[in-house]
Amino acid sequence: MNSILAVFSAFALAYLGMTGLALAMDRHHRQMFPSRHLPSTRARYAMRFASWGLLGLSAWACAHAWGAAVGAVAWFGVLMVAVLLLVWLLPYAPRWAGRLALLACCTAPAKSDGRKLSRMKRK
């Protein structure tokens, strides 16, 4: 996997995971969607579970690109940037936080297969 694509995919997945965890809270859900009803308890637990899964996929993307040791450090850096962006957006522009999450949702799967890239480099 190309390292730039790995960082971008890991960032998108981390931002989606943290946004999902924020949406599972009533306060942030009201901020981002003021006209909608609050989700049920079951929906909040589903959002939390899916968000932790997205954070796990983000960690896997970093570990797959750079190995376990460097990937863990890179994942913490990517996670820090994603959380910092979300923390800046939620108080001042909560709707933009949701729009950025939609953009990240559309672009997160746009990564290439690392095995094909490594075979092409060897030839």
PDB file of N, CA and C in Angstrom:
ATOM      1  N   MET A   1       0.856  -1.170   0.000  1.00  0.00           N
ATOM      2  CA  MET A   1       0.000   0.000   0.000  1.00  0.00           C
ATOM      3  C   MET A   1       0.901   1.231   0.000  1.00  0.00           C
ATOM      4  N   ASN A   2       0.564   2.177  -0.799  1.00  0.00           N
ATOM      5  CA  ASN A   2       1.281   3.435  -0.842  1.00  0.00           C
ATOM      6  C   ASN A   2       1.117   4.131   0.511  1.00  0.00           C
ATOM      7  N   SER A   3       2.210   4.707   1.020  1.00  0.00           N
ATOM      8  CA  SER A   3       2.145   5.276   2.366  1.00  0.00           C
ATOM      9  C   SER A   3       1.218   6.491   2.436  1.00  0.00           C
ATOM     10  N   ILE A   4       1.128   7.276   1.368  1.00  0.00           N
ATOM     11  CA  ILE A   4       0.232   8.430   1.370  1.00  0.00           C
ATOM     12  C   ILE A   4      -1.221   7.965   1.407  1.00  0.00           C
ATOM     13  N   LEU A   5      -1.522   6.935   0.631  1.00  0.00           N
ATOM     14  CA  LEU A   5      -2.880   6.392   0.665  1.00  0.00           C
ATOM     15  C   LEU A   5      -3.195   5.755   2.010  1.00  0.00           C
ATOM     16  N   ALA A   6      -2.193   5.134   2.626  1.00  0.00           N
ATOM     17  CA  ALA A   6      -2.400   4.535   3.942  1.00  0.00           C
ATOM     18  C   ALA A   6      -2.708   5.587   4.987  1.00  0.00           C
ATOM     19  N   VAL A   7      -1.966   6.685   4.962  1.00  0.00           N
ATOM     20  CA  VAL A   7      -2.225   7.766   5.919  1.00  0.00           C
ATOM     21  C   VAL A   7      -3.601   8.363   5.684  1.00  0.00           C
ATOM     22  N   PHE A   8      -3.950   8.583   4.424  1.00  0.00           N
ATOM     23  CA  PHE A   8      -5.254   9.169   4.120  1.00  0.00           C
ATOM     24  C   PHE A   8      -6.388   8.237   4.527  1.00  0.00           C
ATOM     25  N   SER A   9      -6.252   6.953   4.234  1.00  0.00           N
ATOM     26  CA  SER A   9      -7.290   5.993   4.629  1.00  0.00           C
ATOM     27  C   SER A   9      -7.389   5.881   6.140  1.00  0.00           C
ATOM     28  N   ALA A  10      -6.249   5.835   6.811  1.00  0.00           N
ATOM     29  CA  ALA A  10      -6.259   5.738   8.271  1.00  0.00           C
ATOM     30  C   ALA A  10      -6.877   6.988   8.882  1.00  0.00           C
ATOM     31  N   PHE A  11      -6.564   8.157   8.322  1.00  0.00           N
ATOM     32  CA  PHE A  11      -7.160   9.399   8.828  1.00  0.00           C
ATOM     33  C   PHE A  11      -8.664   9.405   8.624  1.00  0.00           C
ATOM     34  N   ALA A  12      -9.122   9.018   7.429  1.00  0.00           N
ATOM     35  CA  ALA A  12     -10.557   9.012   7.149  1.00  0.00           C
ATOM     36  C   ALA A  12     -11.286   8.050   8.086  1.00  0.00           C
ATOM     37  N   LEU A  13     -10.724   6.866   8.288  1.00  0.00           N
ATOM     38  CA  LEU A  13     -11.360   5.892   9.180  1.00  0.00           C
ATOM     39  C   LEU A  13     -11.332   6.359  10.633  1.00  0.00           C
ATOM     40  N   ALA A  14     -10.235   6.979  11.050  1.00  0.00           N
ATOM     41  CA  ALA A  14     -10.163   7.488  12.419  1.00  0.00           C
ATOM     42  C   ALA A  14     -11.150   8.630  12.629  1.00  0.00           C
ATOM     43  N   TYR A  15     -11.264   9.518  11.644  1.00  0.00           N
ATOM     44  CA  TYR A  15     -12.212  10.626  11.778  1.00  0.00           C
ATOM     45  C   TYR A  15     -13.649  10.101  11.811  1.00  0.00           C
ATOM     46  N   LEU A  16     -13.943   9.114  10.976  1.00  0.00           N
ATOM     47  CA  LEU A  16     -15.281   8.523  11.002  1.00  0.00           C
ATOM     48  C   LEU A  16     -15.570   7.854  12.338  1.00  0.00           C
ATOM     49  N   GLY A  17     -14.585   7.145  12.869  1.00  0.00           N
ATOM     50  CA  GLY A  17     -14.776   6.486  14.158  1.00  0.00           C
ATOM     51  C   GLY A  17     -15.001   7.469  15.290  1.00  0.00           C
ATOM     52  N   MET A  18     -14.221   8.527  15.315  1.00  0.00           N
ATOM     53  CA  MET A  18     -14.392   9.511  16.389  1.00  0.00           C
ATOM     54  C   MET A  18     -15.686  10.305  16.224  1.00  0.00           C
ATOM     55  N   THR A  19     -16.080  10.579  14.983  1.00  0.00           N
ATOM     56  CA  THR A  19     -17.359  11.251  14.759  1.00  0.00           C
ATOM     57  C   THR A  19     -18.515  10.355  15.186  1.00  0.00           C
ATOM     58  N   GLY A  20     -18.403   9.073  14.916  1.00  0.00           N
ATOM     59  CA  GLY A  20     -19.434   8.142  15.362  1.00  0.00           C
ATOM     60  C   GLY A  20     -19.538   8.075  16.875  1.00  0.00           C
ATOM     61  N   LEU A  21     -18.385   8.090  17.555  1.00  0.00           N
ATOM     62  CA  LEU A  21     -18.419   8.107  19.021  1.00  0.00           C
ATOM     63  C   LEU A  21     -19.038   9.400  19.541  1.00  0.00           C
ATOM     64  N   ALA A  22     -18.766  10.516  18.856  1.00  0.00           N
ATOM     65  CA  ALA A  22     -19.372  11.784  19.272  1.00  0.00           C
ATOM     66  C   ALA A  22     -20.873  11.771  19.022  1.00  0.00           C
ATOM     67  N   LEU A  23     -21.308  11.193  17.896  1.00  0.00           N
ATOM     68  CA  LEU A  23     -22.739  11.140  17.595  1.00  0.00           C
ATOM     69  C   LEU A  23     -23.494  10.208  18.535  1.00  0.00           C
ATOM     70  N   ALA A  24     -22.797   9.289  19.170  1.00  0.00           N
ATOM     71  CA  ALA A  24     -23.454   8.398  20.127  1.00  0.00           C
ATOM     72  C   ALA A  24     -23.801   9.132  21.421  1.00  0.00           C
ATOM     73  N   MET A  25     -23.256  10.334  21.597  1.00  0.00           N
ATOM     74  CA  MET A  25     -23.576  11.162  22.769  1.00  0.00           C
ATOM     75  C   MET A  25     -24.718  12.105  22.416  1.00  0.00           C
ATOM     76  N   ASP A  26     -25.650  12.273  23.341  1.00  0.00           N
ATOM     77  CA  ASP A  26     -26.826  13.110  23.073  1.00  0.00           C
ATOM     78  C   ASP A  26     -26.461  14.555  22.759  1.00  0.00           C
ATOM     79  N   ARG A  27     -25.522  15.100  23.501  1.00  0.00           N
ATOM     80  CA  ARG A  27     -25.165  16.509  23.319  1.00  0.00           C
ATOM     81  C   ARG A  27     -24.633  16.789  21.913  1.00  0.00           C
ATOM     82  N   HIS A  28     -23.706  15.968  21.443  1.00  0.00           N
ATOM     83  CA  HIS A  28     -23.125  16.189  20.124  1.00  0.00           C
ATOM     84  C   HIS A  28     -24.110  15.837  19.014  1.00  0.00           C
ATOM     85  N   HIS A  29     -24.988  14.886  19.269  1.00  0.00           N
ATOM     86  CA  HIS A  29     -26.009  14.561  18.268  1.00  0.00           C
ATOM     87  C   HIS A  29     -26.953  15.743  18.081  1.00  0.00           C
ATOM     88  N   ARG A  30     -27.317  16.406  19.173  1.00  0.00           N
ATOM     89  CA  ARG A  30     -28.158  17.611  19.072  1.00  0.00           C
ATOM     90  C   ARG A  30     -27.434  18.741  18.353  1.00  0.00           C
ATOM     91  N   GLN A  31     -26.122  18.859  18.562  1.00  0.00           N
ATOM     92  CA  GLN A  31     -25.351  19.900  17.893  1.00  0.00           C
ATOM     93  C   GLN A  31     -25.315  19.689  16.381  1.00  0.00           C
ATOM     94  N   MET A  32     -25.102  18.458  15.964  1.00  0.00           N
ATOM     95  CA  MET A  32     -24.945  18.196  14.533  1.00  0.00           C
ATOM     96  C   MET A  32     -26.282  18.095  13.807  1.00  0.00           C
ATOM     97  N   PHE A  33     -27.277  17.572  14.469  1.00  0.00           N
ATOM     98  CA  PHE A  33     -28.601  17.403  13.863  1.00  0.00           C
ATOM     99  C   PHE A  33     -29.660  17.977  14.805  1.00  0.00           C
ATOM    100  N   PRO A  34     -29.857  19.293  14.821  1.00  0.00           N
ATOM    101  CA  PRO A  34     -30.777  19.885  15.801  1.00  0.00           C
ATOM    102  C   PRO A  34     -32.242  19.554  15.550  1.00  0.00           C
ATOM    103  N   SER A  35     -32.626  19.278  14.326  1.00  0.00           N
ATOM    104  CA  SER A  35     -34.043  19.054  14.048  1.00  0.00           C
ATOM    105  C   SER A  35     -34.453  17.588  14.170  1.00  0.00           C
ATOM    106  N   ARG A  36     -33.520  16.684  14.310  1.00  0.00           N
ATOM    107  CA  ARG A  36     -33.845  15.256  14.371  1.00  0.00           C
ATOM    108  C   ARG A  36     -33.997  14.800  15.814  1.00  0.00           C
ATOM    109  N   HIS A  37     -34.697  13.685  15.960  1.00  0.00           N
ATOM    110  CA  HIS A  37     -34.865  13.091  17.288  1.00  0.00           C
ATOM    111  C   HIS A  37     -33.576  12.398  17.707  1.00  0.00           C
ATOM    112  N   LEU A  38     -33.400  12.251  18.982  1.00  0.00           N
ATOM    113  CA  LEU A  38     -32.226  11.559  19.501  1.00  0.00           C
ATOM    114  C   LEU A  38     -32.332  10.068  19.198  1.00  0.00           C
ATOM    115  N   PRO A  39     -31.196   9.413  18.960  1.00  0.00           N
ATOM    116  CA  PRO A  39     -31.255   7.972  18.683  1.00  0.00           C
ATOM    117  C   PRO A  39     -31.613   7.182  19.934  1.00  0.00           C
ATOM    118  N   SER A  40     -32.137   6.012  19.708  1.00  0.00           N
ATOM    119  CA  SER A  40     -32.490   5.147  20.831  1.00  0.00           C
ATOM    120  C   SER A  40     -31.227   4.599  21.481  1.00  0.00           C
ATOM    121  N   THR A  41     -31.395   3.969  22.598  1.00  0.00           N
ATOM    122  CA  THR A  41     -30.257   3.388  23.313  1.00  0.00           C
ATOM    123  C   THR A  41     -29.595   2.309  22.472  1.00  0.00           C
ATOM    124  N   ARG A  42     -30.390   1.514  21.809  1.00  0.00           N
ATOM    125  CA  ARG A  42     -29.857   0.453  20.952  1.00  0.00           C
ATOM    126  C   ARG A  42     -29.055   1.041  19.789  1.00  0.00           C
ATOM    127  N   ALA A  43     -29.553   2.122  19.202  1.00  0.00           N
ATOM    128  CA  ALA A  43     -28.837   2.771  18.096  1.00  0.00           C
ATOM    129  C   ALA A  43     -27.529   3.395  18.584  1.00  0.00           C
ATOM    130  N   ARG A  44     -27.534   3.947  19.790  1.00  0.00           N
ATOM    131  CA  ARG A  44     -26.299   4.517  20.329  1.00  0.00           C
ATOM    132  C   ARG A  44     -25.252   3.441  20.567  1.00  0.00           C
ATOM    133  N   TYR A  45     -25.676   2.282  21.087  1.00  0.00           N
ATOM    134  CA  TYR A  45     -24.725   1.185  21.273  1.00  0.00           C
ATOM    135  C   TYR A  45     -24.210   0.679  19.933  1.00  0.00           C
ATOM    136  N   ALA A  46     -25.057   0.642  18.921  1.00  0.00           N
ATOM    137  CA  ALA A  46     -24.623   0.215  17.585  1.00  0.00           C
ATOM    138  C   ALA A  46     -23.619   1.213  17.005  1.00  0.00           C
ATOM    139  N   MET A  47     -23.863   2.511  17.221  1.00  0.00           N
ATOM    140  CA  MET A  47     -22.912   3.520  16.742  1.00  0.00           C
ATOM    141  C   MET A  47     -21.569   3.386  17.446  1.00  0.00           C
ATOM    142  N   ARG A  48     -21.602   3.134  18.738  1.00  0.00           N
ATOM    143  CA  ARG A  48     -20.348   2.957  19.481  1.00  0.00           C
ATOM    144  C   ARG A  48     -19.580   1.739  18.979  1.00  0.00           C
ATOM    145  N   PHE A  49     -20.294   0.643  18.780  1.00  0.00           N
ATOM    146  CA  PHE A  49     -19.653  -0.586  18.311  1.00  0.00           C
ATOM    147  C   PHE A  49     -19.046  -0.385  16.926  1.00  0.00           C
ATOM    148  N   ALA A  50     -19.799   0.236  16.020  1.00  0.00           N
ATOM    149  CA  ALA A  50     -19.296   0.491  14.665  1.00  0.00           C
ATOM    150  C   ALA A  50     -18.120   1.462  14.694  1.00  0.00           C
ATOM    151  N   SER A  51     -18.169   2.446  15.574  1.00  0.00           N
ATOM    152  CA  SER A  51     -17.086   3.423  15.663  1.00  0.00           C
ATOM    153  C   SER A  51     -15.798   2.785  16.153  1.00  0.00           C
ATOM    154  N   TRP A  52     -15.907   1.905  17.137  1.00  0.00           N
ATOM    155  CA  TRP A  52     -14.703   1.212  17.590  1.00  0.00           C
ATOM    156  C   TRP A  52     -14.160   0.303  16.496  1.00  0.00           C
ATOM    157  N   GLY A  53     -15.042  -0.280  15.705  1.00  0.00           N
ATOM    158  CA  GLY A  53     -14.593  -1.079  14.566  1.00  0.00           C
ATOM    159  C   GLY A  53     -13.857  -0.236  13.533  1.00  0.00           C
ATOM    160  N   LEU A  54     -14.354   0.974  13.271  1.00  0.00           N
ATOM    161  CA  LEU A  54     -13.668   1.866  12.336  1.00  0.00           C
ATOM    162  C   LEU A  54     -12.306   2.284  12.878  1.00  0.00           C
ATOM    163  N   LEU A  55     -12.204   2.518  14.177  1.00  0.00           N
ATOM    164  CA  LEU A  55     -10.897   2.838  14.756  1.00  0.00           C
ATOM    165  C   LEU A  55      -9.938   1.654  14.651  1.00  0.00           C
ATOM    166  N   GLY A  56     -10.469   0.453  14.796  1.00  0.00           N
ATOM    167  CA  GLY A  56      -9.649  -0.741  14.606  1.00  0.00           C
ATOM    168  C   GLY A  56      -9.176  -0.894  13.165  1.00  0.00           C
ATOM    169  N   LEU A  57     -10.048  -0.586  12.209  1.00  0.00           N
ATOM    170  CA  LEU A  57      -9.641  -0.621  10.806  1.00  0.00           C
ATOM    171  C   LEU A  57      -8.583   0.440  10.509  1.00  0.00           C
ATOM    172  N   SER A  58      -8.696   1.568  11.156  1.00  0.00           N
ATOM    173  CA  SER A  58      -7.692   2.613  10.995  1.00  0.00           C
ATOM    174  C   SER A  58      -6.331   2.133  11.510  1.00  0.00           C
ATOM    175  N   ALA A  59      -6.325   1.488  12.646  1.00  0.00           N
ATOM    176  CA  ALA A  59      -5.076   0.946  13.188  1.00  0.00           C
ATOM    177  C   ALA A  59      -4.527  -0.145  12.279  1.00  0.00           C
ATOM    178  N   TRP A  60      -5.404  -0.959  11.720  1.00  0.00           N
ATOM    179  CA  TRP A  60      -4.961  -2.018  10.811  1.00  0.00           C
ATOM    180  C   TRP A  60      -4.339  -1.427   9.548  1.00  0.00           C
ATOM    181  N   ALA A  61      -4.911  -0.340   9.025  1.00  0.00           N
ATOM    182  CA  ALA A  61      -4.360   0.283   7.824  1.00  0.00           C
ATOM    183  C   ALA A  61      -2.939   0.774   8.071  1.00  0.00           C
ATOM    184  N   CYS A  62      -2.692   1.353   9.231  1.00  0.00           N
ATOM    185  CA  CYS A  62      -1.334   1.806   9.556  1.00  0.00           C
ATOM    186  C   CYS A  62      -0.386   0.634   9.766  1.00  0.00           C
ATOM    187  N   ALA A  63      -0.839  -0.389  10.462  1.00  0.00           N
ATOM    188  CA  ALA A  63       0.012  -1.552  10.712  1.00  0.00           C
ATOM    189  C   ALA A  63       0.294  -2.314   9.426  1.00  0.00           C
ATOM    190  N   HIS A  64      -0.666  -2.346   8.520  1.00  0.00           N
ATOM    191  CA  HIS A  64      -0.481  -3.041   7.253  1.00  0.00           C
ATOM    192  C   HIS A  64       0.519  -2.306   6.369  1.00  0.00           C
ATOM    193  N   ALA A  65       0.534  -0.998   6.448  1.00  0.00           N
ATOM    194  CA  ALA A  65       1.425  -0.217   5.593  1.00  0.00           C
ATOM    195  C   ALA A  65       2.854  -0.188   6.107  1.00  0.00           C
ATOM    196  N   TRP A  66       3.049  -0.097   7.442  1.00  0.00           N
ATOM    197  CA  TRP A  66       4.392   0.117   7.978  1.00  0.00           C
ATOM    198  C   TRP A  66       4.854  -0.948   8.957  1.00  0.00           C
ATOM    199  N   GLY A  67       4.072  -1.943   9.205  1.00  0.00           N
ATOM    200  CA  GLY A  67       4.440  -2.924  10.219  1.00  0.00           C
ATOM    201  C   GLY A  67       3.865  -2.525  11.573  1.00  0.00           C
ATOM    202  N   ALA A  68       3.982  -3.415  12.537  1.00  0.00           N
ATOM    203  CA  ALA A  68       3.320  -3.194  13.824  1.00  0.00           C
ATOM    204  C   ALA A  68       3.947  -2.056  14.620  1.00  0.00           C
ATOM    205  N   ALA A  69       5.262  -1.982  14.675  1.00  0.00           N
ATOM    206  CA  ALA A  69       5.908  -0.985  15.525  1.00  0.00           C
ATOM    207  C   ALA A  69       5.715   0.435  14.988  1.00  0.00           C
ATOM    208  N   VAL A  70       6.067   0.666  13.755  1.00  0.00           N
ATOM    209  CA  VAL A  70       5.924   2.002  13.174  1.00  0.00           C
ATOM    210  C   VAL A  70       4.453   2.316  12.935  1.00  0.00           C
ATOM    211  N   GLY A  71       3.663   1.312  12.585  1.00  0.00           N
ATOM    212  CA  GLY A  71       2.239   1.519  12.358  1.00  0.00           C
ATOM    213  C   GLY A  71       1.507   1.987  13.598  1.00  0.00           C
ATOM    214  N   ALA A  72       1.898   1.489  14.768  1.00  0.00           N
ATOM    215  CA  ALA A  72       1.256   1.928  16.017  1.00  0.00           C
ATOM    216  C   ALA A  72       1.553   3.403  16.286  1.00  0.00           C
ATOM    217  N   VAL A  73       2.787   3.807  16.062  1.00  0.00           N
ATOM    218  CA  VAL A  73       3.145   5.212  16.262  1.00  0.00           C
ATOM    219  C   VAL A  73       2.429   6.096  15.246  1.00  0.00           C
ATOM    220  N   ALA A  74       2.388   5.644  13.996  1.00  0.00           N
ATOM    221  CA  ALA A  74       1.697   6.407  12.954  1.00  0.00           C
ATOM    222  C   ALA A  74       0.207   6.498  13.251  1.00  0.00           C
ATOM    223  N   TRP A  75      -0.370   5.417  13.776  1.00  0.00           N
ATOM    224  CA  TRP A  75      -1.802   5.436  14.080  1.00  0.00           C
ATOM    225  C   TRP A  75      -2.120   6.440  15.191  1.00  0.00           C
ATOM    226  N   PHE A  76      -1.275   6.495  16.208  1.00  0.00           N
ATOM    227  CA  PHE A  76      -1.515   7.477  17.266  1.00  0.00           C
ATOM    228  C   PHE A  76      -1.403   8.901  16.736  1.00  0.00           C
ATOM    229  N   GLY A  77      -0.491   9.131  15.803  1.00  0.00           N
ATOM    230  CA  GLY A  77      -0.392  10.450  15.186  1.00  0.00           C
ATOM    231  C   GLY A  77      -1.610  10.784  14.354  1.00  0.00           C
ATOM    232  N   VAL A  78      -2.064   9.830  13.552  1.00  0.00           N
ATOM    233  CA  VAL A  78      -3.258  10.035  12.725  1.00  0.00           C
ATOM    234  C   VAL A  78      -4.482  10.237  13.605  1.00  0.00           C
ATOM    235  N   LEU A  79      -4.588   9.459  14.659  1.00  0.00           N
ATOM    236  CA  LEU A  79      -5.711   9.587  15.583  1.00  0.00           C
ATOM    237  C   LEU A  79      -5.709  10.952  16.266  1.00  0.00           C
ATOM    238  N   MET A  80      -4.523  11.436  16.620  1.00  0.00           N
ATOM    239  CA  MET A  80      -4.430  12.741  17.264  1.00  0.00           C
ATOM    240  C   MET A  80      -4.902  13.848  16.320  1.00  0.00           C
ATOM    241  N   VAL A  81      -4.513  13.786  15.053  1.00  0.00           N
ATOM    242  CA  VAL A  81      -4.927  14.809  14.087  1.00  0.00           C
ATOM    243  C   VAL A  81      -6.434  14.743  13.856  1.00  0.00           C
ATOM    244  N   ALA A  82      -6.988  13.544  13.754  1.00  0.00           N
ATOM    245  CA  ALA A  82      -8.433  13.397  13.539  1.00  0.00           C
ATOM    246  C   ALA A  82      -9.226  13.933  14.728  1.00  0.00           C
ATOM    247  N   VAL A  83      -8.780  13.620  15.925  1.00  0.00           N
ATOM    248  CA  VAL A  83      -9.476  14.098  17.124  1.00  0.00           C
ATOM    249  C   VAL A  83      -9.346  15.611  17.251  1.00  0.00           C
ATOM    250  N   LEU A  84      -8.171  16.140  16.947  1.00  0.00           N
ATOM    251  CA  LEU A  84      -7.970  17.583  17.026  1.00  0.00           C
ATOM    252  C   LEU A  84      -8.878  18.322  16.048  1.00  0.00           C
ATOM    253  N   LEU A  85      -9.011  17.807  14.843  1.00  0.00           N
ATOM    254  CA  LEU A  85      -9.911  18.418  13.867  1.00  0.00           C
ATOM    255  C   LEU A  85     -11.363  18.358  14.335  1.00  0.00           C
ATOM    256  N   LEU A  86     -11.766  17.226  14.878  1.00  0.00           N
ATOM    257  CA  LEU A  86     -13.137  17.088  15.360  1.00  0.00           C
ATOM    258  C   LEU A  86     -13.395  17.993  16.568  1.00  0.00           C
ATOM    259  N   VAL A  87     -12.427  18.107  17.456  1.00  0.00           N
ATOM    260  CA  VAL A  87     -12.587  18.969  18.629  1.00  0.00           C
ATOM    261  C   VAL A  87     -12.678  20.434  18.215  1.00  0.00           C
ATOM    262  N   TRP A  88     -11.960  20.828  17.182  1.00  0.00           N
ATOM    263  CA  TRP A  88     -12.057  22.203  16.696  1.00  0.00           C
ATOM    264  C   TRP A  88     -13.371  22.462  15.987  1.00  0.00           C
ATOM    265  N   LEU A  89     -13.891  21.465  15.266  1.00  0.00           N
ATOM    266  CA  LEU A  89     -15.105  21.681  14.478  1.00  0.00           C
ATOM    267  C   LEU A  89     -16.386  21.598  15.301  1.00  0.00           C
ATOM    268  N   LEU A  90     -16.445  20.736  16.282  1.00  0.00           N
ATOM    269  CA  LEU A  90     -17.708  20.532  17.008  1.00  0.00           C
ATOM    270  C   LEU A  90     -18.247  21.786  17.697  1.00  0.00           C
ATOM    271  N   PRO A  91     -17.452  22.572  18.393  1.00  0.00           N
ATOM    272  CA  PRO A  91     -18.048  23.746  19.044  1.00  0.00           C
ATOM    273  C   PRO A  91     -18.403  24.876  18.084  1.00  0.00           C
ATOM    274  N   TYR A  92     -17.631  25.036  17.024  1.00  0.00           N
ATOM    275  CA  TYR A  92     -17.806  26.204  16.166  1.00  0.00           C
ATOM    276  C   TYR A  92     -18.596  25.926  14.896  1.00  0.00           C
ATOM    277  N   ALA A  93     -18.423  24.756  14.313  1.00  0.00           N
ATOM    278  CA  ALA A  93     -19.116  24.419  13.068  1.00  0.00           C
ATOM    279  C   ALA A  93     -19.519  22.950  13.086  1.00  0.00           C
ATOM    280  N   PRO A  94     -20.519  22.596  13.904  1.00  0.00           N
ATOM    281  CA  PRO A  94     -20.871  21.171  14.022  1.00  0.00           C
ATOM    282  C   PRO A  94     -21.404  20.576  12.721  1.00  0.00           C
ATOM    283  N   ARG A  95     -22.061  21.370  11.903  1.00  0.00           N
ATOM    284  CA  ARG A  95     -22.554  20.835  10.629  1.00  0.00           C
ATOM    285  C   ARG A  95     -21.406  20.497   9.688  1.00  0.00           C
ATOM    286  N   TRP A  96     -20.332  21.298   9.743  1.00  0.00           N
ATOM    287  CA  TRP A  96     -19.173  21.000   8.918  1.00  0.00           C
ATOM    288  C   TRP A  96     -18.484  19.723   9.379  1.00  0.00           C
ATOM    289  N   ALA A  97     -18.565  19.427  10.659  1.00  0.00           N
ATOM    290  CA  ALA A  97     -18.001  18.169  11.160  1.00  0.00           C
ATOM    291  C   ALA A  97     -18.741  16.985  10.541  1.00  0.00           C
ATOM    292  N   GLY A  98     -20.052  17.098  10.429  1.00  0.00           N
ATOM    293  CA  GLY A  98     -20.834  16.044   9.789  1.00  0.00           C
ATOM    294  C   GLY A  98     -20.569  15.948   8.298  1.00  0.00           C
ATOM    295  N   ARG A  99     -20.421  17.094   7.638  1.00  0.00           N
ATOM    296  CA  ARG A  99     -20.126  17.078   6.201  1.00  0.00           C
ATOM    297  C   ARG A  99     -18.753  16.480   5.924  1.00  0.00           C
ATOM    298  N   LEU A 100     -17.794  16.794   6.765  1.00  0.00           N
ATOM    299  CA  LEU A 100     -16.469  16.204   6.601  1.00  0.00           C
ATOM    300  C   LEU A 100     -16.505  14.700   6.846  1.00  0.00           C
ATOM    301  N   ALA A 101     -17.362  14.254   7.755  1.00  0.00           N
ATOM    302  CA  ALA A 101     -17.512  12.814   7.983  1.00  0.00           C
ATOM    303  C   ALA A 101     -18.105  12.137   6.750  1.00  0.00           C
ATOM    304  N   LEU A 102     -19.061  12.787   6.092  1.00  0.00           N
ATOM    305  CA  LEU A 102     -19.596  12.215   4.851  1.00  0.00           C
ATOM    306  C   LEU A 102     -18.537  12.144   3.765  1.00  0.00           C
ATOM    307  N   LEU A 103     -17.723  13.168   3.667  1.00  0.00           N
ATOM    308  CA  LEU A 103     -16.636  13.159   2.695  1.00  0.00           C
ATOM    309  C   LEU A 103     -15.631  12.054   3.020  1.00  0.00           C
ATOM    310  N   ALA A 104     -15.309  11.897   4.286  1.00  0.00           N
ATOM    311  CA  ALA A 104     -14.388  10.840   4.693  1.00  0.00           C
ATOM    312  C   ALA A 104     -14.982   9.462   4.429  1.00  0.00           C
ATOM    313  N   CYS A 105     -16.294   9.341   4.570  1.00  0.00           N
ATOM    314  CA  CYS A 105     -16.965   8.070   4.298  1.00  0.00           C
ATOM    315  C   CYS A 105     -16.857   7.700   2.821  1.00  0.00           C
ATOM    316  N   CYS A 106     -16.933   8.698   1.971  1.00  0.00           N
ATOM    317  CA  CYS A 106     -16.843   8.439   0.532  1.00  0.00           C
ATOM    318  C   CYS A 106     -15.419   8.151   0.080  1.00  0.00           C
ATOM    319  N   THR A 107     -14.434   8.719   0.752  1.00  0.00           N
ATOM    320  CA  THR A 107     -13.057   8.582   0.301  1.00  0.00           C
ATOM    321  C   THR A 107     -12.246   7.546   1.070  1.00  0.00           C
ATOM    322  N   ALA A 108     -12.739   7.031   2.172  1.00  0.00           N
ATOM    323  CA  ALA A 108     -11.973   6.058   2.962  1.00  0.00           C
ATOM    324  C   ALA A 108     -11.679   4.773   2.185  1.00  0.00           C
ATOM    325  N   PRO A 109     -12.616   4.239   1.399  1.00  0.00           N
ATOM    326  CA  PRO A 109     -12.287   2.999   0.684  1.00  0.00           C
ATOM    327  C   PRO A 109     -11.403   3.216  -0.539  1.00  0.00           C
ATOM    328  N   ALA A 110     -10.977   4.427  -0.824  1.00  0.00           N
ATOM    329  CA  ALA A 110     -10.202   4.710  -2.024  1.00  0.00           C
ATOM    330  C   ALA A 110      -8.731   4.414  -1.810  1.00  0.00           C
ATOM    331  N   LYS A 111      -8.432   3.207  -1.391  1.00  0.00           N
ATOM    332  CA  LYS A 111      -7.035   2.826  -1.233  1.00  0.00           C
ATOM    333  C   LYS A 111      -6.743   1.647  -2.149  1.00  0.00           C
ATOM    334  N   SER A 112      -5.502   1.492  -2.480  1.00  0.00           N
ATOM    335  CA  SER A 112      -5.144   0.442  -3.422  1.00  0.00           C
ATOM    336  C   SER A 112      -4.644  -0.792  -2.689  1.00  0.00           C
ATOM    337  N   ASP A 113      -4.527  -1.871  -3.424  1.00  0.00           N
ATOM    338  CA  ASP A 113      -4.061  -3.123  -2.863  1.00  0.00           C
ATOM    339  C   ASP A 113      -2.538  -3.090  -2.774  1.00  0.00           C
ATOM    340  N   GLY A 114      -1.997  -3.289  -1.609  1.00  0.00           N
ATOM    341  CA  GLY A 114      -0.562  -3.198  -1.410  1.00  0.00           C
ATOM    342  C   GLY A 114       0.221  -4.294  -2.098  1.00  0.00           C
ATOM    343  N   ARG A 115      -0.388  -5.473  -2.257  1.00  0.00           N
ATOM    344  CA  ARG A 115       0.323  -6.565  -2.907  1.00  0.00           C
ATOM    345  C   ARG A 115       0.602  -6.242  -4.366  1.00  0.00           C
ATOM    346  N   LYS A 116      -0.336  -5.624  -5.042  1.00  0.00           N
ATOM    347  CA  LYS A 116      -0.116  -5.267  -6.442  1.00  0.00           C
ATOM    348  C   LYS A 116       0.992  -4.228  -6.577  1.00  0.00           C
ATOM    349  N   LEU A 117       1.034  -3.247  -5.677  1.00  0.00           N
ATOM    350  CA  LEU A 117       2.074  -2.227  -5.736  1.00  0.00           C
ATOM    351  C   LEU A 117       3.449  -2.833  -5.476  1.00  0.00           C
ATOM    352  N   SER A 118       3.544  -3.741  -4.502  1.00  0.00           N
ATOM    353  CA  SER A 118       4.845  -4.322  -4.197  1.00  0.00           C
ATOM    354  C   SER A 118       5.327  -5.221  -5.330  1.00  0.00           C
ATOM    355  N   ARG A 119       4.431  -5.906  -6.010  1.00  0.00           N
ATOM    356  CA  ARG A 119       4.826  -6.727  -7.168  1.00  0.00           C
ATOM    357  C   ARG A 119       5.273  -5.848  -8.325  1.00  0.00           C
ATOM    358  N   MET A 120       4.634  -4.710  -8.501  1.00  0.00           N
ATOM    359  CA  MET A 120       5.020  -3.831  -9.589  1.00  0.00           C
ATOM    360  C   MET A 120       6.374  -3.204  -9.336  1.00  0.00           C
ATOM    361  N   LYS A 121       6.724  -2.933  -8.107  1.00  0.00           N
ATOM    362  CA  LYS A 121       8.014  -2.334  -7.786  1.00  0.00           C
ATOM    363  C   LYS A 121       9.154  -3.320  -7.989  1.00  0.00           C
ATOM    364  N   ARG A 122       8.896  -4.604  -7.744  1.00  0.00           N
ATOM    365  CA  ARG A 122       9.943  -5.608  -7.868  1.00  0.00           C
ATOM    366  C   ARG A 122      10.343  -5.849  -9.320  1.00  0.00           C
ATOM    367  N   LYS A 123       9.420  -5.693 -10.229  1.00  0.00           N
ATOM    368  CA  LYS A 123       9.707  -6.009 -11.639  1.00  0.00           C
ATOM    369  C   LYS A 123      10.572  -4.996 -12.297  1.00  0.00           C
TER     370      LYS A 123
END
